[in-house]
Amino acid sequence: MLVIFNVIFVAFIAGIIIFIRSYRQRKKEYVQELKTVALQHKKELLTTQLEIQQQTMKHIGREIHDNVGQKLTLSSLYLQQLPIENQSKEVVESVNNINAIINESLQDLRLLSKSLTDDNINDLTIVELLEIECDKIRSLKKFKIDFKNTLKSAVPYEIKSVLLRVTQEFLQNSIKHSKCKNIFISLSKTNKHLDLQLQDDGKGFDLKNLKTSGIGLKNIEKRIKLLNGTFNPKSDKNGTTFNIKIPI
């Protein structure tokens, strides 16, 4: 009887241990499933947000072209038709200056409208998008920018969008605030991860007290995390570096 009791007791304890382990495993799987569902939901929200943002920019671009652009064109035509032959030299110069400003504004609006309505992110590769941003900096002829790329594979739209916004944010901060002379961009793929490194040799800044325009550092980090990536910004008196790693 004692032996039977001991066997039953051991089996009972073993059953409890197995039940507890099974319960913990099921709980762990359930929690992981919830995290996966939540992450997938956030990714879908990000995709929807990007699509809405793209449609909004296209709408603004069309409004600029069709509404504001036409009004400025009419204003320019009215100025050109003014009877200024018998007016003083000062009046003629003022009218010509106003007309020149209107025409310059029209040109700027056309460029802005085109940039808003063109779906470059969808049509171009991430390498081409970053090359365009580098060319904009080079055209200023104030900074040297070096872009190194070893990426060969295609990149999904949402990843291209986030990497482009990060790069634009970094470049704007560098040329406006850092007093840098050189900017370095590196894009590569290693171990199924997309790696983007942005670096300048400016004066650096305080990451905790940084106030940025555009999407800002917090939104950059939030978008990267939604893609299950990592964002590691560093800054000191020798310059600023952004390291971004996104699985692909």
C-alpha atoms as a PDB file:
ATOM      1  CA  MET A   1       0.000   0.000   0.000  1.00  0.00           C
ATOM      2  CA  LEU A   2       2.828   2.333   0.857  1.00  0.00           C
ATOM      3  CA  VAL A   3       4.463   1.673  -2.525  1.00  0.00           C
ATOM      4  CA  ILE A   4       1.175   2.222  -4.373  1.00  0.00           C
ATOM      5  CA  PHE A   5       0.581   5.448  -2.436  1.00  0.00           C
ATOM      6  CA  ASN A   6       4.073   6.699  -3.269  1.00  0.00           C
ATOM      7  CA  VAL A   7       3.564   5.871  -6.970  1.00  0.00           C
ATOM      8  CA  ILE A   8       0.225   7.684  -7.018  1.00  0.00           C
ATOM      9  CA  PHE A   9       1.722  10.657  -5.175  1.00  0.00           C
ATOM     10  CA  VAL A  10       4.677  10.892  -7.601  1.00  0.00           C
ATOM     11  CA  ALA A  11       2.329  10.589 -10.577  1.00  0.00           C
ATOM     12  CA  PHE A  12       0.137  13.308  -9.085  1.00  0.00           C
ATOM     13  CA  ILE A  13       3.110  15.642  -8.595  1.00  0.00           C
ATOM     14  CA  ALA A  14       4.360  14.833 -12.099  1.00  0.00           C
ATOM     15  CA  GLY A  15       0.914  15.588 -13.490  1.00  0.00           C
ATOM     16  CA  ILE A  16       0.842  18.946 -11.711  1.00  0.00           C
ATOM     17  CA  ILE A  17       4.313  19.801 -13.047  1.00  0.00           C
ATOM     18  CA  ILE A  18       3.301  18.823 -16.590  1.00  0.00           C
ATOM     19  CA  PHE A  19       0.083  20.840 -16.292  1.00  0.00           C
ATOM     20  CA  ILE A  20       1.953  23.916 -15.038  1.00  0.00           C
ATOM     21  CA  ARG A  21       4.534  23.667 -17.830  1.00  0.00           C
ATOM     22  CA  SER A  22       1.816  23.187 -20.410  1.00  0.00           C
ATOM     23  CA  TYR A  23      -0.125  26.138 -19.021  1.00  0.00           C
ATOM     24  CA  ARG A  24       2.953  28.371 -19.091  1.00  0.00           C
ATOM     25  CA  GLN A  25       3.741  27.313 -22.651  1.00  0.00           C
ATOM     26  CA  ARG A  26       0.189  28.001 -23.815  1.00  0.00           C
ATOM     27  CA  LYS A  27       0.230  31.346 -22.028  1.00  0.00           C
ATOM     28  CA  LYS A  28       3.550  32.243 -23.640  1.00  0.00           C
ATOM     29  CA  GLU A  29       2.209  31.302 -27.080  1.00  0.00           C
ATOM     30  CA  TYR A  30      -0.956  33.303 -26.466  1.00  0.00           C
ATOM     31  CA  VAL A  31       0.982  36.401 -25.396  1.00  0.00           C
ATOM     32  CA  GLN A  32       3.244  36.049 -28.420  1.00  0.00           C
ATOM     33  CA  GLU A  33       0.205  35.716 -30.663  1.00  0.00           C
ATOM     34  CA  LEU A  34      -1.270  38.896 -29.170  1.00  0.00           C
ATOM     35  CA  LYS A  35       2.002  40.733 -29.797  1.00  0.00           C
ATOM     36  CA  THR A  36       2.089  39.482 -33.393  1.00  0.00           C
ATOM     37  CA  VAL A  37      -1.505  40.586 -33.998  1.00  0.00           C
ATOM     38  CA  ALA A  38      -0.824  43.990 -32.415  1.00  0.00           C
ATOM     39  CA  LEU A  39       2.325  44.474 -34.517  1.00  0.00           C
ATOM     40  CA  GLN A  40       0.487  43.476 -37.681  1.00  0.00           C
ATOM     41  CA  HIS A  41      -2.301  45.905 -36.813  1.00  0.00           C
ATOM     42  CA  LYS A  42       0.221  48.718 -36.308  1.00  0.00           C
ATOM     43  CA  LYS A  43       1.861  47.916 -39.656  1.00  0.00           C
ATOM     44  CA  GLU A  44      -1.518  48.065 -41.371  1.00  0.00           C
ATOM     45  CA  LEU A  45      -2.210  51.412 -39.695  1.00  0.00           C
ATOM     46  CA  LEU A  46       1.165  52.707 -40.878  1.00  0.00           C
ATOM     47  CA  THR A  47       0.446  51.585 -44.446  1.00  0.00           C
ATOM     48  CA  THR A  48      -2.978  53.237 -44.335  1.00  0.00           C
ATOM     49  CA  GLN A  49      -1.473  56.401 -42.879  1.00  0.00           C
ATOM     50  CA  LEU A  50       1.118  56.549 -45.659  1.00  0.00           C
ATOM     51  CA  GLU A  51      -1.549  56.029 -48.310  1.00  0.00           C
ATOM     52  CA  ILE A  52      -3.729  58.800 -46.837  1.00  0.00           C
ATOM     53  CA  GLN A  53      -0.718  61.078 -46.606  1.00  0.00           C
ATOM     54  CA  GLN A  54       0.153  60.414 -50.244  1.00  0.00           C
ATOM     55  CA  GLN A  55      -3.425  61.102 -51.395  1.00  0.00           C
ATOM     56  CA  THR A  56      -3.527  64.297 -49.330  1.00  0.00           C
ATOM     57  CA  MET A  57      -0.305  65.576 -50.876  1.00  0.00           C
ATOM     58  CA  LYS A  58      -1.641  64.838 -54.362  1.00  0.00           C
ATOM     59  CA  HIS A  59      -4.842  66.749 -53.562  1.00  0.00           C
ATOM     60  CA  ILE A  60      -2.854  69.737 -52.263  1.00  0.00           C
ATOM     61  CA  GLY A  61      -0.647  69.618 -55.340  1.00  0.00           C
ATOM     62  CA  ARG A  62      -3.632  69.693 -57.683  1.00  0.00           C
ATOM     63  CA  GLU A  63      -5.208  72.578 -55.719  1.00  0.00           C
ATOM     64  CA  ILE A  64      -1.970  74.560 -55.946  1.00  0.00           C
ATOM     65  CA  HIS A  65      -1.738  73.958 -59.691  1.00  0.00           C
ATOM     66  CA  ASP A  66      -5.412  74.510 -60.556  1.00  0.00           C
ATOM     67  CA  ASN A  67      -6.363  77.271 -58.118  1.00  0.00           C
ATOM     68  CA  VAL A  68      -3.457  79.339 -56.793  1.00  0.00           C
ATOM     69  CA  GLY A  69      -1.398  78.914 -59.964  1.00  0.00           C
ATOM     70  CA  GLN A  70      -4.212  80.165 -62.201  1.00  0.00           C
ATOM     71  CA  LYS A  71      -4.829  83.209 -60.008  1.00  0.00           C
ATOM     72  CA  LEU A  72      -1.159  84.181 -60.124  1.00  0.00           C
ATOM     73  CA  THR A  73      -1.130  83.688 -63.893  1.00  0.00           C
ATOM     74  CA  LEU A  74      -4.108  86.028 -64.264  1.00  0.00           C
ATOM     75  CA  SER A  75      -2.437  88.593 -61.984  1.00  0.00           C
ATOM     76  CA  SER A  76       0.670  88.504 -64.185  1.00  0.00           C
ATOM     77  CA  LEU A  77      -1.422  88.987 -67.323  1.00  0.00           C
ATOM     78  CA  TYR A  78      -3.274  91.946 -65.800  1.00  0.00           C
ATOM     79  CA  LEU A  79       0.024  93.592 -64.877  1.00  0.00           C
ATOM     80  CA  GLN A  80       1.352  93.120 -68.388  1.00  0.00           C
ATOM     81  CA  GLN A  81      -1.739  94.864 -69.812  1.00  0.00           C
ATOM     82  CA  LEU A  82      -1.445  97.950 -67.605  1.00  0.00           C
ATOM     83  CA  PRO A  83      -0.975 101.169 -69.604  1.00  0.00           C
ATOM     84  CA  ILE A  84       2.460 102.020 -68.250  1.00  0.00           C
ATOM     85  CA  GLU A  85       3.930 103.713 -71.345  1.00  0.00           C
ATOM     86  CA  ASN A  86       3.270 107.198 -70.009  1.00  0.00           C
ATOM     87  CA  GLN A  87       4.024 106.400 -66.400  1.00  0.00           C
ATOM     88  CA  SER A  88       7.154 107.442 -64.556  1.00  0.00           C
ATOM     89  CA  LYS A  89      10.293 105.321 -64.576  1.00  0.00           C
ATOM     90  CA  GLU A  90       9.755 104.395 -60.914  1.00  0.00           C
ATOM     91  CA  VAL A  91       6.227 103.103 -61.591  1.00  0.00           C
ATOM     92  CA  VAL A  92       7.410 101.054 -64.555  1.00  0.00           C
ATOM     93  CA  GLU A  93      10.199  99.516 -62.490  1.00  0.00           C
ATOM     94  CA  SER A  94       7.798  98.699 -59.642  1.00  0.00           C
ATOM     95  CA  VAL A  95       5.338  97.012 -61.985  1.00  0.00           C
ATOM     96  CA  ASN A  96       8.129  95.020 -63.617  1.00  0.00           C
ATOM     97  CA  ASN A  97       9.468  93.966 -60.219  1.00  0.00           C
ATOM     98  CA  ILE A  98       6.002  92.824 -59.099  1.00  0.00           C
ATOM     99  CA  ASN A  99       5.576  90.885 -62.319  1.00  0.00           C
ATOM    100  CA  ALA A 100       8.978  89.232 -61.837  1.00  0.00           C
ATOM    101  CA  ILE A 101       8.039  88.212 -58.281  1.00  0.00           C
ATOM    102  CA  ILE A 102       4.745  86.725 -59.498  1.00  0.00           C
ATOM    103  CA  ASN A 103       6.501  84.770 -62.247  1.00  0.00           C
ATOM    104  CA  GLU A 104       9.105  83.497 -59.785  1.00  0.00           C
ATOM    105  CA  SER A 105       6.331  82.460 -57.392  1.00  0.00           C
ATOM    106  CA  LEU A 106       4.582  80.666 -60.245  1.00  0.00           C
ATOM    107  CA  GLN A 107       7.722  78.713 -61.005  1.00  0.00           C
ATOM    108  CA  ASP A 108       8.126  77.738 -57.334  1.00  0.00           C
ATOM    109  CA  LEU A 109       4.482  76.670 -57.149  1.00  0.00           C
ATOM    110  CA  ARG A 110       4.806  74.533 -60.283  1.00  0.00           C
ATOM    111  CA  LEU A 111       7.809  72.753 -58.796  1.00  0.00           C
ATOM    112  CA  LEU A 112       5.986  72.279 -55.478  1.00  0.00           C
ATOM    113  CA  SER A 113       2.863  71.004 -57.222  1.00  0.00           C
ATOM    114  CA  LYS A 114       4.903  68.554 -59.271  1.00  0.00           C
ATOM    115  CA  SER A 115       6.740  67.246 -56.208  1.00  0.00           C
ATOM    116  CA  LEU A 116       3.428  66.696 -54.380  1.00  0.00           C
ATOM    117  CA  THR A 117       1.606  64.975 -57.227  1.00  0.00           C
ATOM    118  CA  ASP A 118       4.462  62.758 -58.415  1.00  0.00           C
ATOM    119  CA  ASP A 119       4.404  59.374 -56.669  1.00  0.00           C
ATOM    120  CA  ASN A 120       8.184  59.081 -56.608  1.00  0.00           C
ATOM    121  CA  ILE A 121       8.226  56.746 -53.619  1.00  0.00           C
ATOM    122  CA  ASN A 122       6.143  54.194 -55.476  1.00  0.00           C
ATOM    123  CA  ASP A 123       7.838  54.642 -58.844  1.00  0.00           C
ATOM    124  CA  LEU A 124      11.511  54.886 -57.842  1.00  0.00           C
ATOM    125  CA  THR A 125      13.866  52.628 -55.877  1.00  0.00           C
ATOM    126  CA  ILE A 126      15.164  53.658 -52.470  1.00  0.00           C
ATOM    127  CA  VAL A 127      18.603  54.179 -54.022  1.00  0.00           C
ATOM    128  CA  GLU A 128      17.169  56.564 -56.628  1.00  0.00           C
ATOM    129  CA  LEU A 129      15.192  58.426 -53.962  1.00  0.00           C
ATOM    130  CA  LEU A 130      18.285  58.939 -51.802  1.00  0.00           C
ATOM    131  CA  GLU A 131      20.319  59.986 -54.852  1.00  0.00           C
ATOM    132  CA  ILE A 132      17.748  62.727 -55.531  1.00  0.00           C
ATOM    133  CA  GLU A 133      18.109  63.996 -51.953  1.00  0.00           C
ATOM    134  CA  CYS A 134      21.918  63.968 -52.298  1.00  0.00           C
ATOM    135  CA  ASP A 135      21.710  65.938 -55.547  1.00  0.00           C
ATOM    136  CA  LYS A 136      19.606  68.582 -53.798  1.00  0.00           C
ATOM    137  CA  ILE A 137      22.348  69.025 -51.203  1.00  0.00           C
ATOM    138  CA  ARG A 138      25.086  69.089 -53.858  1.00  0.00           C
ATOM    139  CA  SER A 139      23.235  71.820 -55.747  1.00  0.00           C
ATOM    140  CA  LEU A 140      23.692  74.121 -52.744  1.00  0.00           C
ATOM    141  CA  LYS A 141      27.486  73.908 -53.266  1.00  0.00           C
ATOM    142  CA  LYS A 142      28.063  74.385 -49.543  1.00  0.00           C
ATOM    143  CA  PHE A 143      28.402  70.804 -48.365  1.00  0.00           C
ATOM    144  CA  LYS A 144      30.139  67.664 -49.540  1.00  0.00           C
ATOM    145  CA  ILE A 145      27.926  64.580 -49.488  1.00  0.00           C
ATOM    146  CA  ASP A 146      29.070  61.010 -50.019  1.00  0.00           C
ATOM    147  CA  PHE A 147      26.528  58.264 -50.731  1.00  0.00           C
ATOM    148  CA  LYS A 148      27.695  54.647 -50.661  1.00  0.00           C
ATOM    149  CA  ASN A 149      25.295  51.888 -51.657  1.00  0.00           C
ATOM    150  CA  THR A 150      25.584  48.107 -51.886  1.00  0.00           C
ATOM    151  CA  LEU A 151      21.849  47.327 -51.880  1.00  0.00           C
ATOM    152  CA  LYS A 152      20.697  45.330 -54.901  1.00  0.00           C
ATOM    153  CA  SER A 153      17.248  44.037 -53.931  1.00  0.00           C
ATOM    154  CA  ALA A 154      13.881  45.826 -54.063  1.00  0.00           C
ATOM    155  CA  VAL A 155      12.401  47.451 -50.945  1.00  0.00           C
ATOM    156  CA  PRO A 156       8.670  47.588 -49.998  1.00  0.00           C
ATOM    157  CA  TYR A 157       6.849  50.922 -50.214  1.00  0.00           C
ATOM    158  CA  GLU A 158       6.443  51.460 -46.460  1.00  0.00           C
ATOM    159  CA  ILE A 159      10.153  50.879 -45.826  1.00  0.00           C
ATOM    160  CA  LYS A 160      11.130  53.226 -48.660  1.00  0.00           C
ATOM    161  CA  SER A 161       8.824  55.895 -47.277  1.00  0.00           C
ATOM    162  CA  VAL A 162      10.227  55.694 -43.745  1.00  0.00           C
ATOM    163  CA  LEU A 163      13.886  55.635 -44.860  1.00  0.00           C
ATOM    164  CA  LEU A 164      13.298  58.610 -47.162  1.00  0.00           C
ATOM    165  CA  ARG A 165      11.659  60.663 -44.382  1.00  0.00           C
ATOM    166  CA  VAL A 166      14.463  59.789 -41.962  1.00  0.00           C
ATOM    167  CA  THR A 167      17.060  60.885 -44.510  1.00  0.00           C
ATOM    168  CA  GLN A 168      15.227  64.125 -45.281  1.00  0.00           C
ATOM    169  CA  GLU A 169      14.913  64.920 -41.574  1.00  0.00           C
ATOM    170  CA  PHE A 170      18.603  64.239 -40.981  1.00  0.00           C
ATOM    171  CA  LEU A 171      19.740  66.303 -43.976  1.00  0.00           C
ATOM    172  CA  GLN A 172      17.558  69.258 -43.007  1.00  0.00           C
ATOM    173  CA  ASN A 173      18.941  69.274 -39.464  1.00  0.00           C
ATOM    174  CA  SER A 174      22.507  68.933 -40.752  1.00  0.00           C
ATOM    175  CA  ILE A 175      22.413  71.809 -43.234  1.00  0.00           C
ATOM    176  CA  LYS A 176      20.388  74.134 -40.987  1.00  0.00           C
ATOM    177  CA  HIS A 177      21.839  73.596 -37.527  1.00  0.00           C
ATOM    178  CA  SER A 178      24.972  71.459 -37.401  1.00  0.00           C
ATOM    179  CA  LYS A 179      27.398  73.751 -39.307  1.00  0.00           C
ATOM    180  CA  CYS A 180      28.830  70.629 -40.900  1.00  0.00           C
ATOM    181  CA  LYS A 181      31.053  70.437 -43.977  1.00  0.00           C
ATOM    182  CA  ASN A 182      30.616  66.777 -44.863  1.00  0.00           C
ATOM    183  CA  ILE A 183      27.642  64.403 -44.880  1.00  0.00           C
ATOM    184  CA  PHE A 184      27.924  60.641 -45.301  1.00  0.00           C
ATOM    185  CA  ILE A 185      25.157  58.213 -46.254  1.00  0.00           C
ATOM    186  CA  SER A 186      25.585  54.436 -46.366  1.00  0.00           C
ATOM    187  CA  LEU A 187      22.923  51.928 -47.471  1.00  0.00           C
ATOM    188  CA  SER A 188      23.470  48.164 -47.374  1.00  0.00           C
ATOM    189  CA  LYS A 189      21.844  44.820 -46.643  1.00  0.00           C
ATOM    190  CA  THR A 190      23.356  42.366 -44.159  1.00  0.00           C
ATOM    191  CA  ASN A 191      21.883  39.259 -42.538  1.00  0.00           C
ATOM    192  CA  LYS A 192      18.367  39.936 -43.865  1.00  0.00           C
ATOM    193  CA  HIS A 193      18.480  43.474 -42.470  1.00  0.00           C
ATOM    194  CA  LEU A 194      18.496  46.781 -44.303  1.00  0.00           C
ATOM    195  CA  ASP A 195      21.108  49.111 -42.803  1.00  0.00           C
ATOM    196  CA  LEU A 196      21.048  52.880 -43.284  1.00  0.00           C
ATOM    197  CA  GLN A 197      23.710  55.071 -41.686  1.00  0.00           C
ATOM    198  CA  LEU A 198      23.516  58.869 -41.791  1.00  0.00           C
ATOM    199  CA  GLN A 199      26.436  60.908 -40.484  1.00  0.00           C
ATOM    200  CA  ASP A 200      27.737  64.480 -40.461  1.00  0.00           C
ATOM    201  CA  ASP A 201      30.791  66.212 -38.989  1.00  0.00           C
ATOM    202  CA  GLY A 202      28.904  69.118 -37.426  1.00  0.00           C
ATOM    203  CA  LYS A 203      28.795  70.446 -33.888  1.00  0.00           C
ATOM    204  CA  GLY A 204      26.227  67.900 -32.673  1.00  0.00           C
ATOM    205  CA  PHE A 205      23.235  68.520 -30.436  1.00  0.00           C
ATOM    206  CA  ASP A 206      21.546  67.425 -27.226  1.00  0.00           C
ATOM    207  CA  LEU A 207      19.332  64.480 -28.143  1.00  0.00           C
ATOM    208  CA  LYS A 208      17.126  64.975 -25.066  1.00  0.00           C
ATOM    209  CA  ASN A 209      16.345  68.624 -25.763  1.00  0.00           C
ATOM    210  CA  LEU A 210      16.194  68.473 -29.546  1.00  0.00           C
ATOM    211  CA  LYS A 211      13.226  70.281 -31.100  1.00  0.00           C
ATOM    212  CA  THR A 212      12.874  69.360 -34.756  1.00  0.00           C
ATOM    213  CA  SER A 213      10.508  70.250 -37.543  1.00  0.00           C
ATOM    214  CA  GLY A 214       8.826  67.716 -39.833  1.00  0.00           C
ATOM    215  CA  ILE A 215       8.212  64.271 -38.456  1.00  0.00           C
ATOM    216  CA  GLY A 216      10.859  64.634 -35.717  1.00  0.00           C
ATOM    217  CA  LEU A 217      12.975  62.055 -33.932  1.00  0.00           C
ATOM    218  CA  LYS A 218      10.119  60.579 -31.904  1.00  0.00           C
ATOM    219  CA  ASN A 219       7.980  59.905 -34.950  1.00  0.00           C
ATOM    220  CA  ILE A 220      11.002  58.537 -36.810  1.00  0.00           C
ATOM    221  CA  GLU A 221      11.652  56.053 -34.019  1.00  0.00           C
ATOM    222  CA  LYS A 222       7.944  55.170 -33.813  1.00  0.00           C
ATOM    223  CA  ARG A 223       7.711  54.404 -37.536  1.00  0.00           C
ATOM    224  CA  ILE A 224      10.884  52.349 -37.499  1.00  0.00           C
ATOM    225  CA  LYS A 225       9.629  50.284 -34.549  1.00  0.00           C
ATOM    226  CA  LEU A 226       6.392  49.584 -36.428  1.00  0.00           C
ATOM    227  CA  LEU A 227       8.580  47.955 -39.075  1.00  0.00           C
ATOM    228  CA  ASN A 228      10.235  45.915 -36.306  1.00  0.00           C
ATOM    229  CA  GLY A 229      13.437  47.880 -36.803  1.00  0.00           C
ATOM    230  CA  THR A 230      15.878  49.711 -34.543  1.00  0.00           C
ATOM    231  CA  PHE A 231      16.876  53.375 -34.483  1.00  0.00           C
ATOM    232  CA  ASN A 232      20.100  54.426 -32.765  1.00  0.00           C
ATOM    233  CA  PRO A 233      20.902  58.172 -32.870  1.00  0.00           C
ATOM    234  CA  LYS A 234      24.207  59.464 -31.479  1.00  0.00           C
ATOM    235  CA  SER A 235      25.505  63.000 -31.268  1.00  0.00           C
ATOM    236  CA  ASP A 236      28.497  64.784 -29.743  1.00  0.00           C
ATOM    237  CA  LYS A 237      30.827  67.677 -30.538  1.00  0.00           C
ATOM    238  CA  ASN A 238      32.329  65.681 -33.426  1.00  0.00           C
ATOM    239  CA  GLY A 239      29.051  65.186 -35.268  1.00  0.00           C
ATOM    240  CA  THR A 240      25.796  63.260 -35.430  1.00  0.00           C
ATOM    241  CA  THR A 241      25.088  59.695 -36.549  1.00  0.00           C
ATOM    242  CA  PHE A 242      21.795  57.915 -37.182  1.00  0.00           C
ATOM    243  CA  ASN A 243      21.945  54.109 -37.416  1.00  0.00           C
ATOM    244  CA  ILE A 244      18.785  52.447 -38.724  1.00  0.00           C
ATOM    245  CA  LYS A 245      18.311  48.693 -39.080  1.00  0.00           C
ATOM    246  CA  ILE A 246      15.108  47.208 -40.535  1.00  0.00           C
ATOM    247  CA  PRO A 247      14.420  43.526 -41.256  1.00  0.00           C
ATOM    248  CA  ILE A 248      13.653  42.769 -44.889  1.00  0.00           C
END
